[in-house]
C-alpha cells in the first residue's frame, strides 16, 4: 500500500486564494497580485495531481484555493476598474471648473 503525499502547494494556494478575497477591496491591487500568484502556484500542483491522482491527497484544498483565487481576481479587477474610472471622472470634473474655483 502506497503512502499518499500531500499535494505540494495546495495549502499555499488555499491561503493565497482566501487572502485575495480578503484584500480584493483594498483598491484592487493586493487582491490582483495574490490571486495571480495563487493561480500560477496551483498550475503545477494541478498538473502533478492529474498525472498521478492516487499518489496525492489535498486536491480539495487546491480546488477551493483556485476557486477563491478566480473569484478574488474577478472582484479585484472590477474594483480596480471602478477606482480607475472614478479618478478619471474626478480629474475631468476638475478640468471643467472655472479658474476662480480651482483649488491651489
PDB file of N, CA and C in Angstrom:
ATOM      1  N   UNK A   1       0.840  -1.183   0.000  1.00  0.00           N
ATOM      2  CA  UNK A   1       0.000   0.000   0.000  1.00  0.00           C
ATOM      3  C   UNK A   1       0.887   1.249   0.000  1.00  0.00           C
ATOM      4  N   UNK A   2       0.593   2.134  -0.896  1.00  0.00           N
ATOM      5  CA  UNK A   2       1.360   3.369  -1.026  1.00  0.00           C
ATOM      6  C   UNK A   2       0.939   4.380   0.034  1.00  0.00           C
ATOM      7  N   UNK A   3       1.913   5.122   0.486  1.00  0.00           N
ATOM      8  CA  UNK A   3       1.630   6.231   1.387  1.00  0.00           C
ATOM      9  C   UNK A   3       1.380   7.461   0.524  1.00  0.00           C
ATOM     10  N   UNK A   4       0.205   8.051   0.710  1.00  0.00           N
ATOM     11  CA  UNK A   4      -0.136   9.226  -0.093  1.00  0.00           C
ATOM     12  C   UNK A   4       0.554  10.458   0.468  1.00  0.00           C
ATOM     13  N   UNK A   5       1.050  11.266  -0.432  1.00  0.00           N
ATOM     14  CA  UNK A   5       1.708  12.514  -0.056  1.00  0.00           C
ATOM     15  C   UNK A   5       0.721  13.666  -0.180  1.00  0.00           C
ATOM     16  N   UNK A   6       0.996  14.689   0.603  1.00  0.00           N
ATOM     17  CA  UNK A   6       0.204  15.916   0.479  1.00  0.00           C
ATOM     18  C   UNK A   6       0.586  16.604  -0.826  1.00  0.00           C
ATOM     19  N   UNK A   7      -0.399  17.063  -1.540  1.00  0.00           N
ATOM     20  CA  UNK A   7      -0.159  17.749  -2.812  1.00  0.00           C
ATOM     21  C   UNK A   7       0.639  19.027  -2.560  1.00  0.00           C
ATOM     22  N   UNK A   8       1.780  19.195  -3.237  1.00  0.00           N
ATOM     23  CA  UNK A   8       2.598  20.388  -2.982  1.00  0.00           C
ATOM     24  C   UNK A   8       1.850  21.673  -3.334  1.00  0.00           C
ATOM     25  N   UNK A   9       1.986  22.647  -2.485  1.00  0.00           N
ATOM     26  CA  UNK A   9       1.425  23.993  -2.674  1.00  0.00           C
ATOM     27  C   UNK A   9      -0.094  24.049  -2.629  1.00  0.00           C
ATOM     28  N   UNK A  10      -0.769  22.987  -2.184  1.00  0.00           N
ATOM     29  CA  UNK A  10      -2.229  23.040  -2.082  1.00  0.00           C
ATOM     30  C   UNK A  10      -2.646  23.999  -0.972  1.00  0.00           C
ATOM     31  N   UNK A  11      -1.981  23.914   0.167  1.00  0.00           N
ATOM     32  CA  UNK A  11      -2.299  24.809   1.277  1.00  0.00           C
ATOM     33  C   UNK A  11      -1.900  26.246   0.947  1.00  0.00           C
ATOM     34  N   UNK A  12      -0.790  26.410   0.256  1.00  0.00           N
ATOM     35  CA  UNK A  12      -0.354  27.749  -0.156  1.00  0.00           C
ATOM     36  C   UNK A  12      -1.376  28.384  -1.091  1.00  0.00           C
ATOM     37  N   UNK A  13      -1.886  27.585  -2.020  1.00  0.00           N
ATOM     38  CA  UNK A  13      -2.904  28.090  -2.941  1.00  0.00           C
ATOM     39  C   UNK A  13      -4.162  28.491  -2.188  1.00  0.00           C
ATOM     40  N   UNK A  14      -4.551  27.680  -1.213  1.00  0.00           N
ATOM     41  CA  UNK A  14      -5.743  27.987  -0.422  1.00  0.00           C
ATOM     42  C   UNK A  14      -5.553  29.289   0.357  1.00  0.00           C
ATOM     43  N   UNK A  15      -4.404  29.453   0.990  1.00  0.00           N
ATOM     44  CA  UNK A  15      -4.138  30.670   1.765  1.00  0.00           C
ATOM     45  C   UNK A  15      -4.102  31.898   0.855  1.00  0.00           C
ATOM     46  N   UNK A  16      -3.440  31.786  -0.290  1.00  0.00           N
ATOM     47  CA  UNK A  16      -3.376  32.919  -1.221  1.00  0.00           C
ATOM     48  C   UNK A  16      -4.751  33.245  -1.801  1.00  0.00           C
ATOM     49  N   UNK A  17      -5.553  32.216  -2.092  1.00  0.00           N
ATOM     50  CA  UNK A  17      -6.894  32.448  -2.625  1.00  0.00           C
ATOM     51  C   UNK A  17      -7.791  33.155  -1.630  1.00  0.00           C
ATOM     52  N   UNK A  18      -7.751  32.710  -0.372  1.00  0.00           N
ATOM     53  CA  UNK A  18      -8.554  33.358   0.666  1.00  0.00           C
ATOM     54  C   UNK A  18      -8.045  34.778   0.909  1.00  0.00           C
ATOM     55  N   UNK A  19      -6.740  34.961   0.907  1.00  0.00           N
ATOM     56  CA  UNK A  19      -6.167  36.302   1.101  1.00  0.00           C
ATOM     57  C   UNK A  19      -6.552  37.243  -0.035  1.00  0.00           C
ATOM     58  N   UNK A  20      -6.655  36.710  -1.244  1.00  0.00           N
ATOM     59  CA  UNK A  20      -7.066  37.566  -2.362  1.00  0.00           C
ATOM     60  C   UNK A  20      -8.513  38.014  -2.204  1.00  0.00           C
ATOM     61  N   UNK A  21      -9.351  37.148  -1.631  1.00  0.00           N
ATOM     62  CA  UNK A  21     -10.734  37.556  -1.367  1.00  0.00           C
ATOM     63  C   UNK A  21     -10.800  38.618  -0.279  1.00  0.00           C
ATOM     64  N   UNK A  22      -9.971  38.459   0.738  1.00  0.00           N
ATOM     65  CA  UNK A  22      -9.988  39.409   1.850  1.00  0.00           C
ATOM     66  C   UNK A  22      -9.489  40.781   1.398  1.00  0.00           C
ATOM     67  N   UNK A  23      -8.467  40.803   0.547  1.00  0.00           N
ATOM     68  CA  UNK A  23      -7.847  42.076   0.161  1.00  0.00           C
ATOM     69  C   UNK A  23      -8.336  42.620  -1.177  1.00  0.00           C
ATOM     70  N   UNK A  24      -9.396  42.063  -1.721  1.00  0.00           N
ATOM     71  CA  UNK A  24      -9.812  42.497  -3.057  1.00  0.00           C
ATOM     72  C   UNK A  24     -10.369  43.920  -3.069  1.00  0.00           C
ATOM     73  N   UNK A  25     -10.811  44.432  -1.932  1.00  0.00           N
ATOM     74  CA  UNK A  25     -11.351  45.785  -1.911  1.00  0.00           C
ATOM     75  C   UNK A  25     -10.355  46.811  -1.375  1.00  0.00           C
ATOM     76  N   UNK A  26      -9.078  46.467  -1.329  1.00  0.00           N
ATOM     77  CA  UNK A  26      -8.014  47.425  -0.976  1.00  0.00           C
ATOM     78  C   UNK A  26      -7.476  48.031  -2.267  1.00  0.00           C
ATOM     79  N   UNK A  27      -8.312  48.781  -2.950  1.00  0.00           N
ATOM     80  CA  UNK A  27      -8.019  49.388  -4.250  1.00  0.00           C
ATOM     81  C   UNK A  27      -7.750  48.352  -5.330  1.00  0.00           C
ATOM     82  N   UNK A  28      -8.014  47.083  -5.068  1.00  0.00           N
ATOM     83  CA  UNK A  28      -7.920  46.041  -6.080  1.00  0.00           C
ATOM     84  C   UNK A  28      -6.540  45.481  -6.326  1.00  0.00           C
ATOM     85  N   UNK A  29      -5.500  46.210  -6.016  1.00  0.00           N
ATOM     86  CA  UNK A  29      -4.143  45.789  -6.369  1.00  0.00           C
ATOM     87  C   UNK A  29      -3.666  44.579  -5.558  1.00  0.00           C
ATOM     88  N   UNK A  30      -3.775  44.577  -4.217  1.00  0.00           N
ATOM     89  CA  UNK A  30      -3.302  43.393  -3.482  1.00  0.00           C
ATOM     90  C   UNK A  30      -4.069  42.127  -3.851  1.00  0.00           C
ATOM     91  N   UNK A  31      -5.363  42.254  -4.057  1.00  0.00           N
ATOM     92  CA  UNK A  31      -6.155  41.097  -4.449  1.00  0.00           C
ATOM     93  C   UNK A  31      -5.751  40.549  -5.801  1.00  0.00           C
ATOM     94  N   UNK A  32      -5.455  41.450  -6.737  1.00  0.00           N
ATOM     95  CA  UNK A  32      -4.982  41.022  -8.058  1.00  0.00           C
ATOM     96  C   UNK A  32      -3.665  40.267  -7.954  1.00  0.00           C
ATOM     97  N   UNK A  33      -2.733  40.819  -7.192  1.00  0.00           N
ATOM     98  CA  UNK A  33      -1.416  40.193  -7.064  1.00  0.00           C
ATOM     99  C   UNK A  33      -1.528  38.820  -6.414  1.00  0.00           C
ATOM    100  N   UNK A  34      -2.273  38.739  -5.309  1.00  0.00           N
ATOM    101  CA  UNK A  34      -2.388  37.466  -4.596  1.00  0.00           C
ATOM    102  C   UNK A  34      -3.114  36.406  -5.419  1.00  0.00           C
ATOM    103  N   UNK A  35      -4.148  36.798  -6.136  1.00  0.00           N
ATOM    104  CA  UNK A  35      -4.884  35.806  -6.922  1.00  0.00           C
ATOM    105  C   UNK A  35      -4.068  35.322  -8.114  1.00  0.00           C
ATOM    106  N   UNK A  36      -3.301  36.195  -8.732  1.00  0.00           N
ATOM    107  CA  UNK A  36      -2.451  35.765  -9.848  1.00  0.00           C
ATOM    108  C   UNK A  36      -1.370  34.809  -9.352  1.00  0.00           C
ATOM    109  N   UNK A  37      -0.769  35.126  -8.199  1.00  0.00           N
ATOM    110  CA  UNK A  37       0.235  34.221  -7.632  1.00  0.00           C
ATOM    111  C   UNK A  37      -0.389  32.872  -7.293  1.00  0.00           C
ATOM    112  N   UNK A  38      -1.598  32.886  -6.724  1.00  0.00           N
ATOM    113  CA  UNK A  38      -2.271  31.629  -6.372  1.00  0.00           C
ATOM    114  C   UNK A  38      -2.548  30.781  -7.608  1.00  0.00           C
ATOM    115  N   UNK A  39      -2.966  31.408  -8.687  1.00  0.00           N
ATOM    116  CA  UNK A  39      -3.244  30.650  -9.909  1.00  0.00           C
ATOM    117  C   UNK A  39      -1.971  30.090 -10.531  1.00  0.00           C
ATOM    118  N   UNK A  40      -0.887  30.836 -10.461  1.00  0.00           N
ATOM    119  CA  UNK A  40       0.385  30.343 -11.002  1.00  0.00           C
ATOM    120  C   UNK A  40       0.909  29.176 -10.171  1.00  0.00           C
ATOM    121  N   UNK A  41       0.838  29.318  -8.843  1.00  0.00           N
ATOM    122  CA  UNK A  41       1.331  28.261  -7.956  1.00  0.00           C
ATOM    123  C   UNK A  41       0.496  26.991  -8.108  1.00  0.00           C
ATOM    124  N   UNK A  42      -0.802  27.154  -8.285  1.00  0.00           N
ATOM    125  CA  UNK A  42      -1.676  25.981  -8.358  1.00  0.00           C
ATOM    126  C   UNK A  42      -1.572  25.233  -9.687  1.00  0.00           C
ATOM    127  N   UNK A  43      -1.055  25.892 -10.699  1.00  0.00           N
ATOM    128  CA  UNK A  43      -0.976  25.261 -12.024  1.00  0.00           C
ATOM    129  C   UNK A  43      -0.108  24.007 -11.994  1.00  0.00           C
ATOM    130  N   UNK A  44       1.076  24.101 -11.391  1.00  0.00           N
ATOM    131  CA  UNK A  44       1.970  22.945 -11.331  1.00  0.00           C
ATOM    132  C   UNK A  44       1.414  21.835 -10.450  1.00  0.00           C
ATOM    133  N   UNK A  45       0.781  22.211  -9.339  1.00  0.00           N
ATOM    134  CA  UNK A  45       0.215  21.201  -8.447  1.00  0.00           C
ATOM    135  C   UNK A  45      -0.943  20.468  -9.110  1.00  0.00           C
ATOM    136  N   UNK A  46      -1.729  21.190  -9.869  1.00  0.00           N
ATOM    137  CA  UNK A  46      -2.837  20.546 -10.570  1.00  0.00           C
ATOM    138  C   UNK A  46      -2.314  19.565 -11.610  1.00  0.00           C
ATOM    139  N   UNK A  47      -1.236  19.951 -12.292  1.00  0.00           N
ATOM    140  CA  UNK A  47      -0.634  19.062 -13.277  1.00  0.00           C
ATOM    141  C   UNK A  47      -0.108  17.791 -12.604  1.00  0.00           C
ATOM    142  N   UNK A  48       0.535  17.933 -11.437  1.00  0.00           N
ATOM    143  CA  UNK A  48       1.024  16.768 -10.697  1.00  0.00           C
ATOM    144  C   UNK A  48      -0.120  15.839 -10.306  1.00  0.00           C
ATOM    145  N   UNK A  49      -1.207  16.412  -9.842  1.00  0.00           N
ATOM    146  CA  UNK A  49      -2.353  15.601  -9.425  1.00  0.00           C
ATOM    147  C   UNK A  49      -2.984  14.876 -10.610  1.00  0.00           C
ATOM    148  N   UNK A  50      -3.095  15.549 -11.729  1.00  0.00           N
ATOM    149  CA  UNK A  50      -3.717  14.914 -12.893  1.00  0.00           C
ATOM    150  C   UNK A  50      -2.848  13.799 -13.474  1.00  0.00           C
ATOM    151  N   UNK A  51      -1.525  13.908 -13.327  1.00  0.00           N
ATOM    152  CA  UNK A  51      -0.641  12.853 -13.814  1.00  0.00           C
ATOM    153  C   UNK A  51      -0.735  11.592 -12.963  1.00  0.00           C
ATOM    154  N   UNK A  52      -0.891  11.753 -11.652  1.00  0.00           N
ATOM    155  CA  UNK A  52      -0.944  10.610 -10.751  1.00  0.00           C
ATOM    156  C   UNK A  52      -1.884  10.920  -9.585  1.00  0.00           C
ATOM    157  N   UNK A  53      -3.198  10.790  -9.790  1.00  0.00           N
ATOM    158  CA  UNK A  53      -4.151  11.187  -8.753  1.00  0.00           C
ATOM    159  C   UNK A  53      -4.133  10.295  -7.511  1.00  0.00           C
ATOM    160  N   UNK A  54      -3.673   9.046  -7.639  1.00  0.00           N
ATOM    161  CA  UNK A  54      -3.662   8.147  -6.488  1.00  0.00           C
ATOM    162  C   UNK A  54      -2.503   8.416  -5.537  1.00  0.00           C
ATOM    163  N   UNK A  55      -1.546   9.194  -5.960  1.00  0.00           N
ATOM    164  CA  UNK A  55      -0.353   9.424  -5.154  1.00  0.00           C
ATOM    165  C   UNK A  55      -0.504  10.600  -4.184  1.00  0.00           C
ATOM    166  N   UNK A  56      -1.431  11.513  -4.451  1.00  0.00           N
ATOM    167  CA  UNK A  56      -1.517  12.744  -3.671  1.00  0.00           C
ATOM    168  C   UNK A  56      -2.876  12.899  -3.010  1.00  0.00           C
ATOM    169  N   UNK A  57      -2.848  13.560  -1.842  1.00  0.00           N
ATOM    170  CA  UNK A  57      -4.081  13.972  -1.173  1.00  0.00           C
ATOM    171  C   UNK A  57      -4.095  15.498  -1.130  1.00  0.00           C
ATOM    172  N   UNK A  58      -5.221  16.068  -0.768  1.00  0.00           N
ATOM    173  CA  UNK A  58      -5.307  17.516  -0.627  1.00  0.00           C
ATOM    174  C   UNK A  58      -5.747  18.235  -1.876  1.00  0.00           C
ATOM    175  N   UNK A  59      -6.321  17.514  -2.837  1.00  0.00           N
ATOM    176  CA  UNK A  59      -6.772  18.179  -4.057  1.00  0.00           C
ATOM    177  C   UNK A  59      -7.934  19.128  -3.763  1.00  0.00           C
ATOM    178  N   UNK A  60      -8.702  18.834  -2.706  1.00  0.00           N
ATOM    179  CA  UNK A  60      -9.827  19.700  -2.352  1.00  0.00           C
ATOM    180  C   UNK A  60      -9.334  21.099  -1.975  1.00  0.00           C
ATOM    181  N   UNK A  61      -8.238  21.146  -1.216  1.00  0.00           N
ATOM    182  CA  UNK A  61      -7.667  22.454  -0.855  1.00  0.00           C
ATOM    183  C   UNK A  61      -7.210  23.213  -2.092  1.00  0.00           C
ATOM    184  N   UNK A  62      -6.614  22.504  -3.023  1.00  0.00           N
ATOM    185  CA  UNK A  62      -6.156  23.133  -4.262  1.00  0.00           C
ATOM    186  C   UNK A  62      -7.337  23.665  -5.068  1.00  0.00           C
ATOM    187  N   UNK A  63      -8.383  22.871  -5.158  1.00  0.00           N
ATOM    188  CA  UNK A  63      -9.560  23.267  -5.931  1.00  0.00           C
ATOM    189  C   UNK A  63     -10.255  24.476  -5.300  1.00  0.00           C
ATOM    190  N   UNK A  64     -10.425  24.444  -3.989  1.00  0.00           N
ATOM    191  CA  UNK A  64     -11.068  25.563  -3.296  1.00  0.00           C
ATOM    192  C   UNK A  64     -10.199  26.816  -3.381  1.00  0.00           C
ATOM    193  N   UNK A  65      -8.890  26.653  -3.262  1.00  0.00           N
ATOM    194  CA  UNK A  65      -7.978  27.792  -3.389  1.00  0.00           C
ATOM    195  C   UNK A  65      -8.033  28.414  -4.766  1.00  0.00           C
ATOM    196  N   UNK A  66      -8.121  27.575  -5.806  1.00  0.00           N
ATOM    197  CA  UNK A  66      -8.238  28.098  -7.176  1.00  0.00           C
ATOM    198  C   UNK A  66      -9.551  28.851  -7.364  1.00  0.00           C
ATOM    199  N   UNK A  67     -10.635  28.314  -6.817  1.00  0.00           N
ATOM    200  CA  UNK A  67     -11.935  28.984  -6.933  1.00  0.00           C
ATOM    201  C   UNK A  67     -11.894  30.337  -6.224  1.00  0.00           C
ATOM    202  N   UNK A  68     -11.335  30.364  -5.014  1.00  0.00           N
ATOM    203  CA  UNK A  68     -11.207  31.636  -4.287  1.00  0.00           C
ATOM    204  C   UNK A  68     -10.333  32.620  -5.054  1.00  0.00           C
ATOM    205  N   UNK A  69      -9.268  32.124  -5.662  1.00  0.00           N
ATOM    206  CA  UNK A  69      -8.375  32.998  -6.425  1.00  0.00           C
ATOM    207  C   UNK A  69      -9.078  33.565  -7.655  1.00  0.00           C
ATOM    208  N   UNK A  70      -9.872  32.752  -8.326  1.00  0.00           N
ATOM    209  CA  UNK A  70     -10.596  33.231  -9.509  1.00  0.00           C
ATOM    210  C   UNK A  70     -11.636  34.274  -9.113  1.00  0.00           C
ATOM    211  N   UNK A  71     -12.378  34.012  -8.033  1.00  0.00           N
ATOM    212  CA  UNK A  71     -13.367  34.986  -7.560  1.00  0.00           C
ATOM    213  C   UNK A  71     -12.664  36.265  -7.107  1.00  0.00           C
ATOM    214  N   UNK A  72     -11.545  36.121  -6.389  1.00  0.00           N
ATOM    215  CA  UNK A  72     -10.773  37.290  -5.963  1.00  0.00           C
ATOM    216  C   UNK A  72     -10.233  38.081  -7.135  1.00  0.00           C
ATOM    217  N   UNK A  73      -9.805  37.382  -8.185  1.00  0.00           N
ATOM    218  CA  UNK A  73      -9.303  38.056  -9.387  1.00  0.00           C
ATOM    219  C   UNK A  73     -10.410  38.856 -10.061  1.00  0.00           C
ATOM    220  N   UNK A  74     -11.583  38.275 -10.163  1.00  0.00           N
ATOM    221  CA  UNK A  74     -12.712  38.968 -10.799  1.00  0.00           C
ATOM    222  C   UNK A  74     -13.125  40.188  -9.978  1.00  0.00           C
ATOM    223  N   UNK A  75     -13.295  39.997  -8.657  1.00  0.00           N
ATOM    224  CA  UNK A  75     -13.706  41.120  -7.809  1.00  0.00           C
ATOM    225  C   UNK A  75     -12.647  42.219  -7.772  1.00  0.00           C
ATOM    226  N   UNK A  76     -11.388  41.835  -7.686  1.00  0.00           N
ATOM    227  CA  UNK A  76     -10.307  42.828  -7.660  1.00  0.00           C
ATOM    228  C   UNK A  76     -10.233  43.594  -8.971  1.00  0.00           C
ATOM    229  N   UNK A  77     -10.429  42.906 -10.077  1.00  0.00           N
ATOM    230  CA  UNK A  77     -10.396  43.574 -11.380  1.00  0.00           C
ATOM    231  C   UNK A  77     -11.534  44.574 -11.511  1.00  0.00           C
ATOM    232  N   UNK A  78     -12.718  44.164 -11.095  1.00  0.00           N
ATOM    233  CA  UNK A  78     -13.871  45.066 -11.163  1.00  0.00           C
ATOM    234  C   UNK A  78     -13.647  46.278 -10.266  1.00  0.00           C
ATOM    235  N   UNK A  79     -13.156  46.034  -9.052  1.00  0.00           N
ATOM    236  CA  UNK A  79     -12.948  47.142  -8.118  1.00  0.00           C
ATOM    237  C   UNK A  79     -11.836  48.073  -8.597  1.00  0.00           C
ATOM    238  N   UNK A  80     -10.748  47.522  -9.117  1.00  0.00           N
ATOM    239  CA  UNK A  80      -9.657  48.362  -9.630  1.00  0.00           C
ATOM    240  C   UNK A  80     -10.137  49.191 -10.819  1.00  0.00           C
ATOM    241  N   UNK A  81     -10.950  48.601 -11.684  1.00  0.00           N
ATOM    242  CA  UNK A  81     -11.506  49.340 -12.814  1.00  0.00           C
ATOM    243  C   UNK A  81     -12.431  50.455 -12.329  1.00  0.00           C
ATOM    244  N   UNK A  82     -13.239  50.165 -11.311  1.00  0.00           N
ATOM    245  CA  UNK A  82     -14.127  51.173 -10.740  1.00  0.00           C
ATOM    246  C   UNK A  82     -13.327  52.341 -10.163  1.00  0.00           C
ATOM    247  N   UNK A  83     -12.268  52.041  -9.422  1.00  0.00           N
ATOM    248  CA  UNK A  83     -11.427  53.094  -8.839  1.00  0.00           C
ATOM    249  C   UNK A  83     -10.761  53.922  -9.938  1.00  0.00           C
ATOM    250  N   UNK A  84     -10.270  53.259 -10.981  1.00  0.00           N
ATOM    251  CA  UNK A  84      -9.634  53.964 -12.095  1.00  0.00           C
ATOM    252  C   UNK A  84     -10.627  54.899 -12.786  1.00  0.00           C
ATOM    253  N   UNK A  85     -11.834  54.410 -13.051  1.00  0.00           N
ATOM    254  CA  UNK A  85     -12.855  55.249 -13.683  1.00  0.00           C
ATOM    255  C   UNK A  85     -13.269  56.404 -12.777  1.00  0.00           C
ATOM    256  N   UNK A  86     -13.295  56.158 -11.477  1.00  0.00           N
ATOM    257  CA  UNK A  86     -13.628  57.217 -10.527  1.00  0.00           C
ATOM    258  C   UNK A  86     -12.595  58.338 -10.582  1.00  0.00           C
ATOM    259  N   UNK A  87     -11.312  57.978 -10.590  1.00  0.00           N
ATOM    260  CA  UNK A  87     -10.271  59.003 -10.643  1.00  0.00           C
ATOM    261  C   UNK A  87     -10.263  59.727 -11.988  1.00  0.00           C
ATOM    262  N   UNK A  88     -10.563  59.035 -13.059  1.00  0.00           N
ATOM    263  CA  UNK A  88     -10.670  59.696 -14.364  1.00  0.00           C
ATOM    264  C   UNK A  88     -11.833  60.688 -14.354  1.00  0.00           C
ATOM    265  N   UNK A  89     -12.964  60.280 -13.794  1.00  0.00           N
ATOM    266  CA  UNK A  89     -14.123  61.161 -13.700  1.00  0.00           C
ATOM    267  C   UNK A  89     -13.814  62.364 -12.819  1.00  0.00           C
ATOM    268  N   UNK A  90     -13.169  62.114 -11.691  1.00  0.00           N
ATOM    269  CA  UNK A  90     -12.830  63.196 -10.774  1.00  0.00           C
ATOM    270  C   UNK A  90     -11.858  64.180 -11.419  1.00  0.00           C
ATOM    271  N   UNK A  91     -10.881  63.663 -12.154  1.00  0.00           N
ATOM    272  CA  UNK A  91      -9.932  64.535 -12.848  1.00  0.00           C
ATOM    273  C   UNK A  91     -10.593  65.364 -13.926  1.00  0.00           C
ATOM    274  N   UNK A  92     -11.538  64.771 -14.643  1.00  0.00           N
ATOM    275  CA  UNK A  92     -12.222  65.530 -15.690  1.00  0.00           C
ATOM    276  C   UNK A  92     -13.137  66.589 -15.090  1.00  0.00           C
ATOM    277  N   UNK A  93     -13.671  66.349 -13.906  1.00  0.00           N
ATOM    278  CA  UNK A  93     -14.509  67.355 -13.264  1.00  0.00           C
ATOM    279  C   UNK A  93     -13.676  68.558 -12.826  1.00  0.00           C
ATOM    280  N   UNK A  94     -12.438  68.320 -12.376  1.00  0.00           N
ATOM    281  CA  UNK A  94     -11.571  69.435 -12.009  1.00  0.00           C
ATOM    282  C   UNK A  94     -11.175  70.254 -13.229  1.00  0.00           C
ATOM    283  N   UNK A  95     -11.093  69.632 -14.391  1.00  0.00           N
ATOM    284  CA  UNK A  95     -10.772  70.376 -15.606  1.00  0.00           C
ATOM    285  C   UNK A  95     -11.926  71.268 -16.047  1.00  0.00           C
ATOM    286  N   UNK A  96     -13.145  70.904 -15.692  1.00  0.00           N
ATOM    287  CA  UNK A  96     -14.312  71.676 -16.096  1.00  0.00           C
ATOM    288  C   UNK A  96     -14.605  72.850 -15.169  1.00  0.00           C
ATOM    289  N   UNK A  97     -13.966  72.895 -14.002  1.00  0.00           N
ATOM    290  CA  UNK A  97     -14.197  74.002 -13.079  1.00  0.00           C
ATOM    291  C   UNK A  97     -13.614  75.292 -13.652  1.00  0.00           C
ATOM    292  N   UNK A  98     -14.285  76.411 -13.436  1.00  0.00           N
ATOM    293  CA  UNK A  98     -13.681  77.693 -13.831  1.00  0.00           C
ATOM    294  C   UNK A  98     -12.416  77.944 -13.008  1.00  0.00           C
ATOM    295  N   UNK A  99     -11.517  78.769 -13.544  1.00  0.00           N
ATOM    296  CA  UNK A  99     -10.230  79.029 -12.890  1.00  0.00           C
ATOM    297  C   UNK A  99     -10.397  79.617 -11.496  1.00  0.00           C
ATOM    298  N   UNK A 100     -11.448  80.394 -11.261  1.00  0.00           N
ATOM    299  CA  UNK A 100     -11.631  81.018  -9.947  1.00  0.00           C
ATOM    300  C   UNK A 100     -11.982  79.984  -8.879  1.00  0.00           C
ATOM    301  N   UNK A 101     -12.499  78.831  -9.274  1.00  0.00           N
ATOM    302  CA  UNK A 101     -12.891  77.817  -8.302  1.00  0.00           C
ATOM    303  C   UNK A 101     -11.852  76.710  -8.152  1.00  0.00           C
ATOM    304  N   UNK A 102     -10.790  76.739  -8.928  1.00  0.00           N
ATOM    305  CA  UNK A 102      -9.751  75.710  -8.799  1.00  0.00           C
ATOM    306  C   UNK A 102      -9.078  75.815  -7.439  1.00  0.00           C
ATOM    307  N   UNK A 103      -8.785  74.703  -6.865  1.00  0.00           N
ATOM    308  CA  UNK A 103      -8.102  74.656  -5.572  1.00  0.00           C
ATOM    309  C   UNK A 103      -6.609  74.640  -5.833  1.00  0.00           C
ATOM    310  N   UNK A 104      -5.891  75.577  -5.264  1.00  0.00           N
ATOM    311  CA  UNK A 104      -4.440  75.669  -5.477  1.00  0.00           C
ATOM    312  C   UNK A 104      -3.706  74.971  -4.385  1.00  0.00           C
TER     313      UNK A 104
END
